[in-house]
């Protein structure tokens, strides 16, 4: 079987010209610096894994590590969004390591992070408005992270 040499194919040259480029470009199938490996994913699905806190970032309203949504534990709080508290700790270098997982059962014993609730706008929760203190306390008391994750897919 003879493979087509796309660098010698006139139709592709015309397309590149239309796009305004002379470069051929490249495609990177997998980059372990940006993509989670299957070994990492297997570990995250089984247990808490310690990762560098500076590797956390936001993806939409979720907390992410590389290209994967992740859950983190810090100071007995469950973090599920790239909230203001995580951003602050990362920017100040105060989060050198953080426990992360994809195993939901491990989150049961943790309190939800108030800043994460604020970040996702959960039922009007506002961590910065102190006049809503009673409302916020009720939300925190009734909030079930596993139920929330079931209703609001990643």
N, C-alpha and C. Protein backbone atom coordinates (compact mmCIF):
# COMPACT_ATOMS: atom_id res chain seq x y z
N UNK A 1 0.84 -1.17 0.00
CA UNK A 1 0.00 0.00 0.00
C UNK A 1 0.89 1.24 0.00
N UNK A 2 0.62 2.14 -0.88
CA UNK A 2 1.41 3.36 -0.99
C UNK A 2 0.69 4.48 -0.23
N UNK A 3 1.41 5.13 0.66
CA UNK A 3 0.85 6.24 1.43
C UNK A 3 1.01 7.54 0.66
N UNK A 4 0.04 8.41 0.83
CA UNK A 4 0.07 9.71 0.16
C UNK A 4 1.07 10.62 0.86
N UNK A 5 1.90 11.29 0.10
CA UNK A 5 2.79 12.30 0.66
C UNK A 5 2.04 13.63 0.62
N UNK A 6 1.46 14.00 1.75
CA UNK A 6 0.61 15.19 1.79
C UNK A 6 1.39 16.47 1.48
N UNK A 7 2.70 16.44 1.66
CA UNK A 7 3.49 17.62 1.35
C UNK A 7 3.62 17.82 -0.16
N UNK A 8 3.31 16.80 -0.92
CA UNK A 8 3.38 16.88 -2.37
C UNK A 8 1.98 16.94 -3.01
N UNK A 9 0.94 17.02 -2.20
CA UNK A 9 -0.44 16.99 -2.70
C UNK A 9 -0.92 18.42 -2.95
N UNK A 10 -1.27 18.74 -4.19
CA UNK A 10 -1.66 20.09 -4.58
C UNK A 10 -2.88 20.62 -3.83
N UNK A 11 -3.85 19.77 -3.55
CA UNK A 11 -5.06 20.21 -2.86
C UNK A 11 -4.74 20.73 -1.46
N UNK A 12 -3.81 20.08 -0.79
CA UNK A 12 -3.44 20.52 0.55
C UNK A 12 -2.61 21.80 0.51
N UNK A 13 -1.80 21.95 -0.52
CA UNK A 13 -1.06 23.20 -0.70
C UNK A 13 -2.03 24.36 -0.90
N UNK A 14 -3.09 24.14 -1.69
CA UNK A 14 -4.10 25.18 -1.93
C UNK A 14 -4.82 25.52 -0.63
N UNK A 15 -5.11 24.52 0.18
CA UNK A 15 -5.78 24.74 1.46
C UNK A 15 -4.89 25.55 2.40
N UNK A 16 -3.61 25.19 2.47
CA UNK A 16 -2.68 25.95 3.30
C UNK A 16 -2.62 27.41 2.84
N UNK A 17 -2.62 27.61 1.54
CA UNK A 17 -2.59 28.97 0.98
C UNK A 17 -3.83 29.74 1.40
N UNK A 18 -5.00 29.10 1.33
CA UNK A 18 -6.25 29.74 1.76
C UNK A 18 -6.20 30.12 3.24
N UNK A 19 -5.56 29.28 4.01
CA UNK A 19 -5.45 29.53 5.45
C UNK A 19 -4.42 30.61 5.75
N UNK A 20 -3.62 30.94 4.78
CA UNK A 20 -2.61 31.99 4.97
C UNK A 20 -1.37 31.51 5.68
N UNK A 21 -0.99 30.27 5.46
CA UNK A 21 0.21 29.75 6.11
C UNK A 21 1.07 29.00 5.12
N UNK A 22 2.36 29.05 5.38
CA UNK A 22 3.30 28.26 4.60
C UNK A 22 3.76 27.04 5.39
N UNK A 23 3.44 27.03 6.69
CA UNK A 23 3.88 25.94 7.56
C UNK A 23 2.98 24.72 7.41
N UNK A 24 3.57 23.56 7.67
CA UNK A 24 2.82 22.32 7.63
C UNK A 24 2.18 22.01 8.98
N UNK A 25 2.73 22.52 10.03
CA UNK A 25 2.19 22.27 11.36
C UNK A 25 2.56 20.89 11.86
N UNK A 26 2.05 20.59 13.03
CA UNK A 26 2.32 19.29 13.63
C UNK A 26 1.15 18.91 14.51
N UNK A 27 1.07 17.66 14.83
CA UNK A 27 0.01 17.16 15.68
C UNK A 27 0.65 16.37 16.80
N UNK A 28 0.28 16.70 18.01
CA UNK A 28 0.82 16.02 19.17
C UNK A 28 -0.27 15.16 19.77
N UNK A 29 -0.13 13.86 19.63
CA UNK A 29 -1.15 12.94 20.09
C UNK A 29 -1.25 12.93 21.61
N UNK A 30 -0.15 12.89 22.29
CA UNK A 30 -0.17 12.79 23.75
C UNK A 30 1.04 13.51 24.32
N UNK A 31 0.79 14.37 25.28
CA UNK A 31 1.85 15.07 25.98
C UNK A 31 1.64 14.84 27.47
N UNK A 32 2.47 14.03 28.13
CA UNK A 32 2.26 13.72 29.54
C UNK A 32 2.38 14.93 30.47
N UNK A 33 2.94 16.02 29.98
CA UNK A 33 2.98 17.24 30.79
C UNK A 33 1.62 17.95 30.81
N UNK A 34 0.81 17.70 29.77
CA UNK A 34 -0.51 18.34 29.68
C UNK A 34 -1.67 17.38 29.80
N UNK A 35 -1.42 16.10 29.58
CA UNK A 35 -2.48 15.11 29.61
C UNK A 35 -2.22 14.09 30.72
N UNK A 36 -3.27 13.71 31.41
CA UNK A 36 -3.13 12.73 32.47
C UNK A 36 -2.88 11.35 31.85
N UNK A 37 -1.95 10.60 32.41
CA UNK A 37 -1.65 9.27 31.90
C UNK A 37 -2.66 8.29 32.46
N UNK A 38 -2.78 7.12 31.85
CA UNK A 38 -3.73 6.14 32.37
C UNK A 38 -3.28 5.64 33.74
N UNK A 39 -1.96 5.61 33.99
CA UNK A 39 -1.46 5.20 35.30
C UNK A 39 -1.88 6.21 36.37
N UNK A 40 -1.76 7.51 36.05
CA UNK A 40 -2.20 8.55 36.98
C UNK A 40 -3.70 8.42 37.25
N UNK A 41 -4.47 8.25 36.18
CA UNK A 41 -5.92 8.15 36.34
C UNK A 41 -6.28 6.95 37.21
N UNK A 42 -5.63 5.82 37.01
CA UNK A 42 -5.89 4.63 37.83
C UNK A 42 -5.61 4.93 39.30
N UNK A 43 -4.52 5.62 39.58
CA UNK A 43 -4.19 5.98 40.98
C UNK A 43 -5.23 6.92 41.55
N UNK A 44 -5.63 7.95 40.78
CA UNK A 44 -6.63 8.91 41.26
C UNK A 44 -7.98 8.25 41.51
N UNK A 45 -8.29 7.21 40.77
CA UNK A 45 -9.56 6.50 40.96
C UNK A 45 -9.56 5.60 42.19
N UNK A 46 -8.38 5.34 42.77
CA UNK A 46 -8.28 4.43 43.91
C UNK A 46 -8.01 5.11 45.23
N UNK A 47 -7.27 6.23 45.20
CA UNK A 47 -6.77 6.79 46.46
C UNK A 47 -6.49 8.29 46.34
N UNK A 48 -6.10 8.87 47.46
CA UNK A 48 -5.60 10.23 47.44
C UNK A 48 -4.20 10.21 46.86
N UNK A 49 -3.90 11.15 46.00
CA UNK A 49 -2.57 11.29 45.42
C UNK A 49 -2.07 12.69 45.72
N UNK A 50 -0.85 12.80 46.13
CA UNK A 50 -0.27 14.11 46.43
C UNK A 50 0.30 14.69 45.13
N UNK A 51 -0.16 15.89 44.79
CA UNK A 51 0.33 16.57 43.60
C UNK A 51 0.79 17.98 43.97
N UNK A 52 1.54 18.59 43.11
CA UNK A 52 1.98 19.96 43.31
C UNK A 52 0.78 20.88 43.12
N UNK A 53 0.50 21.70 44.12
CA UNK A 53 -0.66 22.59 44.08
C UNK A 53 -0.62 23.58 42.93
N UNK A 54 0.57 23.94 42.48
CA UNK A 54 0.67 24.89 41.36
C UNK A 54 0.21 24.28 40.05
N UNK A 55 0.02 22.95 40.02
CA UNK A 55 -0.47 22.29 38.81
C UNK A 55 -1.99 22.31 38.70
N UNK A 56 -2.66 22.82 39.72
CA UNK A 56 -4.11 22.94 39.67
C UNK A 56 -4.49 24.13 38.81
N UNK A 57 -5.58 24.01 38.10
CA UNK A 57 -6.10 25.12 37.32
C UNK A 57 -7.60 24.95 37.16
N UNK A 58 -8.22 25.94 36.58
CA UNK A 58 -9.66 25.88 36.38
C UNK A 58 -10.02 25.43 34.99
N UNK A 59 -11.08 24.67 34.90
CA UNK A 59 -11.65 24.27 33.61
C UNK A 59 -13.15 24.47 33.74
N UNK A 60 -13.68 25.49 33.06
CA UNK A 60 -15.07 25.93 33.26
C UNK A 60 -15.21 26.27 34.73
N UNK A 61 -16.12 25.63 35.45
CA UNK A 61 -16.24 25.93 36.88
C UNK A 61 -15.72 24.78 37.73
N UNK A 62 -14.87 23.93 37.17
CA UNK A 62 -14.32 22.79 37.89
C UNK A 62 -12.84 22.97 38.19
N UNK A 63 -12.40 22.24 39.16
CA UNK A 63 -10.97 22.17 39.48
C UNK A 63 -10.35 21.13 38.57
N UNK A 64 -9.18 21.42 38.04
CA UNK A 64 -8.57 20.49 37.08
C UNK A 64 -7.08 20.31 37.37
N UNK A 65 -6.62 19.13 37.00
CA UNK A 65 -5.20 18.79 37.01
C UNK A 65 -4.90 18.26 35.61
N UNK A 66 -3.96 18.88 34.94
CA UNK A 66 -3.69 18.59 33.53
C UNK A 66 -4.99 18.74 32.76
N UNK A 67 -5.45 17.71 32.07
CA UNK A 67 -6.67 17.83 31.26
C UNK A 67 -7.86 17.13 31.92
N UNK A 68 -7.82 16.94 33.23
CA UNK A 68 -8.83 16.15 33.92
C UNK A 68 -9.41 16.91 35.11
N UNK A 69 -10.74 16.87 35.23
CA UNK A 69 -11.39 17.41 36.42
C UNK A 69 -10.94 16.56 37.61
N UNK A 70 -10.74 17.22 38.73
CA UNK A 70 -10.17 16.54 39.89
C UNK A 70 -10.84 17.10 41.15
N UNK A 71 -10.75 16.38 42.24
CA UNK A 71 -11.22 16.86 43.54
C UNK A 71 -10.01 16.91 44.45
N UNK A 72 -9.95 17.96 45.27
CA UNK A 72 -8.80 18.13 46.15
C UNK A 72 -9.26 18.27 47.59
N UNK A 73 -8.36 17.95 48.49
CA UNK A 73 -8.61 18.11 49.92
C UNK A 73 -7.50 18.97 50.49
N UNK A 74 -7.90 20.00 51.20
CA UNK A 74 -6.93 20.85 51.87
C UNK A 74 -7.63 21.47 53.07
N UNK A 75 -6.96 21.42 54.22
CA UNK A 75 -7.50 21.96 55.47
C UNK A 75 -8.89 21.40 55.76
N UNK A 76 -9.05 20.10 55.59
CA UNK A 76 -10.30 19.37 55.87
C UNK A 76 -11.49 19.84 55.05
N UNK A 77 -11.21 20.44 53.91
CA UNK A 77 -12.27 20.90 53.01
C UNK A 77 -12.14 20.17 51.67
N UNK A 78 -13.29 19.88 51.08
CA UNK A 78 -13.34 19.28 49.75
C UNK A 78 -13.44 20.40 48.73
N UNK A 79 -12.49 20.45 47.84
CA UNK A 79 -12.46 21.47 46.78
C UNK A 79 -12.83 20.81 45.46
N UNK A 80 -13.82 21.38 44.80
CA UNK A 80 -14.30 20.82 43.53
C UNK A 80 -14.35 21.87 42.43
N UNK A 81 -13.99 23.09 42.74
CA UNK A 81 -13.96 24.18 41.75
C UNK A 81 -12.64 24.94 41.93
N UNK A 82 -12.26 25.66 40.90
CA UNK A 82 -11.06 26.50 40.99
C UNK A 82 -11.50 27.80 41.65
N UNK A 83 -11.66 27.72 42.94
CA UNK A 83 -12.24 28.81 43.72
C UNK A 83 -11.21 29.88 44.07
N UNK A 84 -11.71 30.97 44.64
CA UNK A 84 -10.83 32.08 45.02
C UNK A 84 -9.78 31.64 46.05
N UNK A 85 -10.15 30.73 46.95
CA UNK A 85 -9.20 30.28 47.97
C UNK A 85 -8.05 29.51 47.34
N UNK A 86 -8.34 28.59 46.42
CA UNK A 86 -7.28 27.83 45.72
C UNK A 86 -6.41 28.79 44.92
N UNK A 87 -7.05 29.71 44.19
CA UNK A 87 -6.29 30.68 43.40
C UNK A 87 -5.33 31.48 44.28
N UNK A 88 -5.81 31.90 45.43
CA UNK A 88 -5.00 32.69 46.35
C UNK A 88 -3.82 31.88 46.87
N UNK A 89 -4.08 30.66 47.32
CA UNK A 89 -3.00 29.81 47.84
C UNK A 89 -1.96 29.54 46.76
N UNK A 90 -2.41 29.25 45.55
CA UNK A 90 -1.48 28.95 44.46
C UNK A 90 -0.65 30.19 44.13
N UNK A 91 -1.30 31.34 43.99
CA UNK A 91 -0.58 32.56 43.61
C UNK A 91 0.41 33.01 44.69
N UNK A 92 0.11 32.70 45.95
CA UNK A 92 1.00 33.07 47.05
C UNK A 92 2.03 31.98 47.37
N UNK A 93 1.98 30.88 46.63
CA UNK A 93 2.92 29.79 46.87
C UNK A 93 2.65 29.04 48.15
N UNK A 94 1.42 29.11 48.66
CA UNK A 94 1.07 28.48 49.94
C UNK A 94 0.42 27.11 49.76
N UNK A 95 0.50 26.55 48.56
CA UNK A 95 -0.08 25.25 48.30
C UNK A 95 0.94 24.37 47.57
N UNK A 96 2.07 24.09 48.24
CA UNK A 96 3.11 23.32 47.55
C UNK A 96 2.65 21.90 47.21
N UNK A 97 1.81 21.33 48.07
CA UNK A 97 1.28 20.00 47.82
C UNK A 97 -0.19 19.97 48.21
N UNK A 98 -0.94 19.15 47.49
CA UNK A 98 -2.36 19.00 47.80
C UNK A 98 -2.76 17.56 47.49
N UNK A 99 -3.67 17.04 48.29
CA UNK A 99 -4.19 15.69 48.02
C UNK A 99 -5.29 15.81 46.98
N UNK A 100 -5.26 14.95 45.98
CA UNK A 100 -6.25 14.98 44.91
C UNK A 100 -6.74 13.56 44.63
N UNK A 101 -7.97 13.48 44.14
CA UNK A 101 -8.55 12.17 43.85
C UNK A 101 -9.67 12.30 42.83
N UNK A 102 -10.06 11.15 42.30
CA UNK A 102 -11.27 11.03 41.49
C UNK A 102 -12.25 10.08 42.17
N UNK A 103 -11.85 9.52 43.31
CA UNK A 103 -12.69 8.57 44.04
C UNK A 103 -13.63 9.34 44.97
N UNK A 104 -14.89 9.38 44.61
CA UNK A 104 -15.87 10.20 45.32
C UNK A 104 -16.06 9.78 46.77
N UNK A 105 -15.92 8.50 47.08
CA UNK A 105 -16.09 8.03 48.46
C UNK A 105 -15.13 8.72 49.42
N UNK A 106 -13.98 9.12 48.94
CA UNK A 106 -12.99 9.77 49.80
C UNK A 106 -13.42 11.18 50.22
N UNK A 107 -14.40 11.73 49.55
CA UNK A 107 -14.85 13.10 49.85
C UNK A 107 -15.89 13.14 50.97
N UNK A 108 -16.45 12.01 51.33
CA UNK A 108 -17.56 11.95 52.29
C UNK A 108 -17.25 12.59 53.64
N UNK A 109 -16.04 12.42 54.12
CA UNK A 109 -15.70 12.90 55.46
C UNK A 109 -15.29 14.37 55.49
N UNK A 110 -15.25 15.02 54.34
CA UNK A 110 -14.78 16.41 54.27
C UNK A 110 -15.93 17.39 54.19
N UNK A 111 -15.70 18.56 54.72
CA UNK A 111 -16.65 19.66 54.59
C UNK A 111 -16.49 20.29 53.21
N UNK A 112 -17.57 20.77 52.60
CA UNK A 112 -17.41 21.44 51.30
C UNK A 112 -16.75 22.80 51.50
N UNK A 113 -15.96 23.20 50.54
CA UNK A 113 -15.33 24.51 50.58
C UNK A 113 -16.36 25.58 50.24
N UNK A 114 -16.49 26.57 51.12
CA UNK A 114 -17.45 27.65 50.91
C UNK A 114 -17.14 28.44 49.63
N UNK A 115 -15.84 28.59 49.35
CA UNK A 115 -15.44 29.35 48.18
C UNK A 115 -15.77 28.60 46.88
N UNK A 116 -15.73 27.27 46.95
CA UNK A 116 -16.13 26.47 45.78
C UNK A 116 -17.63 26.63 45.53
N UNK A 117 -18.42 26.60 46.60
CA UNK A 117 -19.87 26.81 46.47
C UNK A 117 -20.15 28.17 45.84
N UNK A 118 -19.42 29.17 46.29
CA UNK A 118 -19.56 30.51 45.73
C UNK A 118 -19.15 30.53 44.26
N UNK A 119 -18.05 29.86 43.96
CA UNK A 119 -17.52 29.86 42.60
C UNK A 119 -18.50 29.27 41.59
N UNK A 120 -19.21 28.22 41.97
CA UNK A 120 -20.18 27.60 41.06
C UNK A 120 -21.56 28.23 41.16
N UNK A 121 -21.72 29.19 42.08
CA UNK A 121 -23.00 29.88 42.24
C UNK A 121 -24.09 28.96 42.76
N UNK A 122 -23.75 28.05 43.66
CA UNK A 122 -24.70 27.06 44.16
C UNK A 122 -25.83 27.74 44.95
N UNK A 123 -27.03 27.67 44.45
CA UNK A 123 -28.26 28.18 45.08
C UNK A 123 -28.10 29.57 45.69
N UNK A 124 -27.37 30.42 45.00
CA UNK A 124 -27.20 31.79 45.46
C UNK A 124 -26.22 31.95 46.61
N UNK A 125 -25.46 30.92 46.92
CA UNK A 125 -24.49 30.98 48.01
C UNK A 125 -23.48 32.08 47.70
N UNK A 126 -23.27 32.97 48.68
CA UNK A 126 -22.32 34.08 48.49
C UNK A 126 -21.45 34.19 49.73
N UNK A 127 -20.24 33.73 49.63
CA UNK A 127 -19.32 33.70 50.76
C UNK A 127 -18.91 35.11 51.20
N UNK A 128 -19.06 36.10 50.34
CA UNK A 128 -18.60 37.44 50.65
C UNK A 128 -19.69 38.33 51.26
N UNK A 129 -20.94 37.95 51.17
CA UNK A 129 -22.03 38.75 51.74
C UNK A 129 -22.35 38.23 53.13
N UNK A 130 -21.93 38.96 54.13
CA UNK A 130 -22.11 38.52 55.50
C UNK A 130 -23.56 38.67 55.97
N UNK A 131 -24.34 39.47 55.28
CA UNK A 131 -25.74 39.62 55.68
C UNK A 131 -26.55 38.38 55.30
N UNK A 132 -25.96 37.49 54.50
CA UNK A 132 -26.61 36.24 54.12
C UNK A 132 -26.12 35.08 54.98
N UNK A 133 -25.55 35.40 56.13
CA UNK A 133 -24.90 34.41 56.98
C UNK A 133 -25.81 33.22 57.32
N UNK A 134 -27.03 33.48 57.75
CA UNK A 134 -27.94 32.40 58.13
C UNK A 134 -28.29 31.53 56.91
N UNK A 135 -28.53 32.18 55.78
CA UNK A 135 -28.84 31.44 54.55
C UNK A 135 -27.66 30.56 54.16
N UNK A 136 -26.46 31.14 54.20
CA UNK A 136 -25.25 30.38 53.84
C UNK A 136 -25.02 29.21 54.78
N UNK A 137 -25.23 29.41 56.07
CA UNK A 137 -25.05 28.34 57.05
C UNK A 137 -26.01 27.18 56.77
N UNK A 138 -27.24 27.50 56.39
CA UNK A 138 -28.23 26.47 56.06
C UNK A 138 -27.79 25.70 54.82
N UNK A 139 -27.30 26.41 53.82
CA UNK A 139 -26.80 25.76 52.60
C UNK A 139 -25.66 24.80 52.95
N UNK A 140 -24.70 25.28 53.74
CA UNK A 140 -23.56 24.44 54.13
C UNK A 140 -24.01 23.21 54.91
N UNK A 141 -24.97 23.39 55.78
CA UNK A 141 -25.48 22.29 56.59
C UNK A 141 -26.16 21.22 55.74
N UNK A 142 -26.91 21.65 54.72
CA UNK A 142 -27.68 20.73 53.89
C UNK A 142 -26.94 20.23 52.65
N UNK A 143 -25.83 20.85 52.32
CA UNK A 143 -25.13 20.52 51.08
C UNK A 143 -24.54 19.11 51.13
N UNK A 144 -24.78 18.36 50.08
CA UNK A 144 -24.22 17.02 49.92
C UNK A 144 -23.44 17.01 48.61
N UNK A 145 -22.13 16.97 48.71
CA UNK A 145 -21.28 17.06 47.53
C UNK A 145 -21.56 15.93 46.55
N UNK A 146 -21.75 14.71 47.05
CA UNK A 146 -21.99 13.58 46.14
C UNK A 146 -23.31 13.74 45.42
N UNK A 147 -24.30 14.26 46.09
CA UNK A 147 -25.59 14.52 45.44
C UNK A 147 -25.44 15.63 44.39
N UNK A 148 -24.71 16.67 44.75
CA UNK A 148 -24.46 17.77 43.81
C UNK A 148 -23.76 17.27 42.55
N UNK A 149 -22.75 16.46 42.73
CA UNK A 149 -22.00 15.94 41.58
C UNK A 149 -22.86 15.05 40.70
N UNK A 150 -23.82 14.36 41.29
CA UNK A 150 -24.74 13.53 40.51
C UNK A 150 -25.70 14.35 39.69
N UNK A 151 -26.12 15.50 40.21
CA UNK A 151 -27.07 16.38 39.50
C UNK A 151 -26.39 17.25 38.47
N UNK A 152 -25.17 17.63 38.76
CA UNK A 152 -24.44 18.56 37.89
C UNK A 152 -23.21 17.85 37.35
N UNK A 153 -23.35 17.16 36.23
CA UNK A 153 -22.22 16.38 35.70
C UNK A 153 -21.01 17.24 35.40
N UNK A 154 -19.85 16.60 35.47
CA UNK A 154 -18.57 17.29 35.22
C UNK A 154 -18.45 17.70 33.79
